[in-house]
Amino acid sequence: MNKITPQNREVVLHKDDFIVSKTCTKGNITYCNRKFMAISGFSEQQLLGNPHNMIRHPDMPKGVFRLMWQALQQGNEFFGYVKNLCADGSYYWVFANVTPDIDQNGQVQGYYSVRRKPEPETLKKYIIPLYQEMLAIEARGQGSSAIEQSVAALKQWVDATEMQYCQAMMRLYQQGSL
């Protein structure tokens, strides 16, 4: 797939939009609903079998995904705000819930991701400034150490809320403030 050049053009989700996908344990897409295809601009053929991070926008700190994978590998679900890239370079923001898919033997088969529309004011007031700070940390450092520093900044931000990470994200989504 060709590299996509990000554009400063937002695709705004509707309140009732519900994006769903499933991946294997390596993060390759095994299922995507029609809403995912419509909003992202990718066809089912373009999405299936490809890494979910094909829609990762460069404005997303790697630290957010490091924290997500840490949670999932511990068998926990993850809640977070994500800026995704569309096929035409546009972007869209989502509030994501990623959950391990566990079989009857307790083994992880893959991951489900359900995404909804976030409130623009929550993004503007809390998430975008936080992510800009994390990106600056990642840009100053090198490799894994920079990502760990970015995660540390996110955890410090959450600690200031006196909540756990998922609790803070859910509060922001449900109430729009901390």
Protein backbone atom coordinates (compact mmCIF):
# COMPACT_ATOMS: atom_id res chain seq x y z
CA MET A 1 0.00 0.00 0.00
CA ASN A 2 1.24 3.48 -0.85
CA LYS A 3 2.16 5.90 1.92
CA ILE A 4 -0.70 8.27 2.69
CA THR A 5 0.01 11.98 3.02
CA PRO A 6 -1.98 13.41 5.95
CA GLN A 7 -4.30 16.30 5.10
CA ASN A 8 -5.76 18.83 7.50
CA ARG A 9 -9.30 17.66 6.75
CA GLU A 10 -11.44 16.04 9.42
CA VAL A 11 -14.11 13.43 8.89
CA VAL A 12 -16.51 13.97 11.78
CA LEU A 13 -18.33 10.94 13.10
CA HIS A 14 -22.02 11.15 13.89
CA LYS A 15 -23.19 10.50 17.42
CA ASP A 16 -24.65 7.12 16.44
CA ASP A 17 -21.63 5.94 14.37
CA PHE A 18 -20.25 2.70 15.73
CA ILE A 19 -16.95 1.49 14.22
CA VAL A 20 -16.07 -2.16 14.85
CA SER A 21 -13.07 -4.24 13.89
CA LYS A 22 -11.34 -7.39 15.01
CA THR A 23 -7.70 -8.38 14.70
CA CYS A 24 -5.63 -11.49 15.19
CA THR A 25 -3.11 -11.53 18.04
CA LYS A 26 -0.53 -9.86 15.78
CA GLY A 27 -2.82 -6.90 15.09
CA ASN A 28 -3.86 -7.82 11.54
CA ILE A 29 -7.48 -6.97 10.70
CA THR A 30 -9.75 -10.03 10.42
CA TYR A 31 -13.10 -8.20 10.49
CA CYS A 32 -14.31 -4.67 9.81
CA ASN A 33 -17.85 -3.34 9.75
CA ARG A 34 -19.26 -1.21 6.95
CA LYS A 35 -19.06 1.97 9.06
CA PHE A 36 -15.30 1.44 9.47
CA MET A 37 -14.93 1.16 5.69
CA ALA A 38 -17.16 4.17 5.02
CA ILE A 39 -15.39 6.48 7.46
CA SER A 40 -11.83 5.37 6.74
CA GLY A 41 -12.31 5.26 2.98
CA PHE A 42 -10.65 1.85 2.75
CA SER A 43 -12.38 -1.12 1.15
CA GLU A 44 -12.78 -4.44 2.93
CA GLN A 45 -10.13 -5.89 0.61
CA GLN A 46 -7.70 -3.11 1.57
CA LEU A 47 -8.30 -3.61 5.30
CA LEU A 48 -8.53 -7.37 5.80
CA GLY A 49 -5.20 -9.05 6.51
CA ASN A 50 -3.39 -5.77 7.00
CA PRO A 51 -2.04 -4.38 10.28
CA HIS A 52 -4.57 -2.21 12.11
CA ASN A 53 -1.85 0.41 12.46
CA MET A 54 -2.22 1.13 8.73
CA ILE A 55 -4.72 3.81 9.84
CA ARG A 56 -2.44 5.27 12.53
CA HIS A 57 -2.17 9.01 12.11
CA PRO A 58 1.32 10.49 12.64
CA ASP A 59 -0.18 12.86 15.25
CA MET A 60 -0.71 9.86 17.54
CA PRO A 61 1.97 9.37 20.19
CA LYS A 62 3.52 5.90 20.13
CA GLY A 63 3.26 5.96 23.92
CA VAL A 64 -0.53 5.60 23.76
CA PHE A 65 -0.19 2.39 21.78
CA ARG A 66 2.58 1.11 24.08
CA LEU A 67 0.20 1.58 27.01
CA MET A 68 -2.60 -0.12 25.04
CA TRP A 69 -0.50 -3.18 24.25
CA GLN A 70 0.69 -3.41 27.86
CA ALA A 71 -2.94 -3.45 29.04
CA LEU A 72 -4.02 -6.02 26.44
CA GLN A 73 -1.07 -8.32 27.16
CA GLN A 74 -2.13 -8.30 30.82
CA GLY A 75 -5.62 -9.40 29.73
CA ASN A 76 -7.19 -6.00 30.38
CA GLU A 77 -9.31 -3.88 28.09
CA PHE A 78 -8.13 -0.48 26.94
CA PHE A 79 -9.98 2.80 26.57
CA GLY A 80 -8.44 5.75 24.79
CA TYR A 81 -8.71 8.56 22.30
CA VAL A 82 -7.24 7.89 18.87
CA LYS A 83 -6.71 10.02 15.78
CA ASN A 84 -6.92 7.78 12.71
CA LEU A 85 -5.89 8.32 9.11
CA CYS A 86 -8.30 7.91 6.17
CA ALA A 87 -7.35 6.54 2.77
CA ASP A 88 -7.43 10.05 1.27
CA GLY A 89 -5.26 11.58 4.01
CA SER A 90 -8.16 12.99 6.03
CA TYR A 91 -8.38 12.12 9.71
CA TYR A 92 -11.03 11.19 12.24
CA TRP A 93 -11.01 11.06 16.03
CA VAL A 94 -12.52 8.18 18.00
CA PHE A 95 -12.96 7.05 21.56
CA ALA A 96 -11.76 3.45 21.36
CA ASN A 97 -12.42 0.41 23.52
CA VAL A 98 -10.10 -2.50 22.71
CA THR A 99 -10.82 -5.86 24.34
CA PRO A 100 -9.06 -9.23 24.18
CA ASP A 101 -11.10 -11.99 22.49
CA ILE A 102 -10.70 -14.97 24.83
CA ASP A 103 -11.63 -18.52 23.77
CA GLN A 104 -13.21 -21.19 26.00
CA ASN A 105 -9.70 -22.30 27.09
CA GLY A 106 -8.76 -18.81 28.26
CA GLN A 107 -6.45 -18.17 25.31
CA VAL A 108 -6.40 -14.83 23.51
CA GLN A 109 -7.63 -15.29 19.93
CA GLY A 110 -7.37 -11.66 18.93
CA TYR A 111 -8.78 -8.28 19.82
CA TYR A 112 -12.06 -6.46 19.30
CA SER A 113 -12.09 -2.70 18.87
CA VAL A 114 -15.24 -0.61 19.13
CA ARG A 115 -14.97 3.09 18.42
CA ARG A 116 -17.38 5.97 18.96
CA LYS A 117 -17.47 9.70 18.40
CA PRO A 118 -15.61 11.72 21.05
CA GLU A 119 -16.71 15.17 22.14
CA PRO A 120 -14.72 17.85 20.28
CA GLU A 121 -14.36 19.98 23.44
CA THR A 122 -12.81 17.04 25.32
CA LEU A 123 -10.29 16.59 22.53
CA LYS A 124 -9.46 20.29 22.44
CA LYS A 125 -9.22 20.81 26.19
CA TYR A 126 -7.54 17.58 27.31
CA ILE A 127 -6.43 15.10 24.65
CA ILE A 128 -4.79 17.20 21.93
CA PRO A 129 -2.55 19.16 24.35
CA LEU A 130 -1.56 15.93 26.12
CA TYR A 131 -0.76 14.18 22.84
CA GLN A 132 1.24 17.19 21.60
CA GLU A 133 3.32 17.01 24.77
CA MET A 134 3.84 13.26 24.32
CA LEU A 135 4.84 13.73 20.66
CA ALA A 136 7.38 16.39 21.68
CA ILE A 137 8.89 13.97 24.21
CA GLU A 138 9.07 11.24 21.58
CA ALA A 139 10.68 13.65 19.07
CA ARG A 140 13.40 14.67 21.54
CA GLY A 141 14.37 11.12 22.44
CA GLN A 142 15.43 8.02 20.60
CA GLY A 143 13.72 4.66 20.15
CA SER A 144 12.16 2.72 22.98
CA SER A 145 13.44 5.08 25.67
CA ALA A 146 11.56 8.01 24.11
CA ILE A 147 8.37 5.97 23.98
CA GLU A 148 8.76 4.97 27.63
CA GLN A 149 9.25 8.64 28.54
CA SER A 150 6.08 9.43 26.61
CA VAL A 151 4.19 6.72 28.52
CA ALA A 152 5.59 8.15 31.77
CA ALA A 153 4.24 11.59 30.85
CA LEU A 154 0.82 10.07 30.16
CA LYS A 155 0.87 8.21 33.47
CA GLN A 156 1.93 11.39 35.29
CA TRP A 157 -0.99 13.24 33.68
CA VAL A 158 -3.38 10.48 34.77
CA ASP A 159 -1.89 10.37 38.28
CA ALA A 160 -2.71 14.08 38.64
CA THR A 161 -6.39 13.17 38.14
CA GLU A 162 -6.19 10.80 41.14
CA MET A 163 -7.83 8.11 39.00
CA GLN A 164 -6.69 4.99 37.18
CA TYR A 165 -6.06 5.39 33.45
CA CYS A 166 -9.25 3.67 32.21
CA GLN A 167 -11.31 5.46 34.84
CA ALA A 168 -9.96 8.84 33.67
CA MET A 169 -10.65 8.02 30.02
CA MET A 170 -14.20 6.86 30.77
CA ARG A 171 -14.87 9.99 32.83
CA LEU A 172 -13.67 12.18 29.97
CA TYR A 173 -15.86 10.29 27.50
CA GLN A 174 -18.98 10.25 29.70
CA GLN A 175 -18.72 13.65 31.39
CA GLY A 176 -16.31 15.65 29.21
CA SER A 177 -14.19 16.66 32.18
CA LEU A 178 -12.04 15.23 34.96
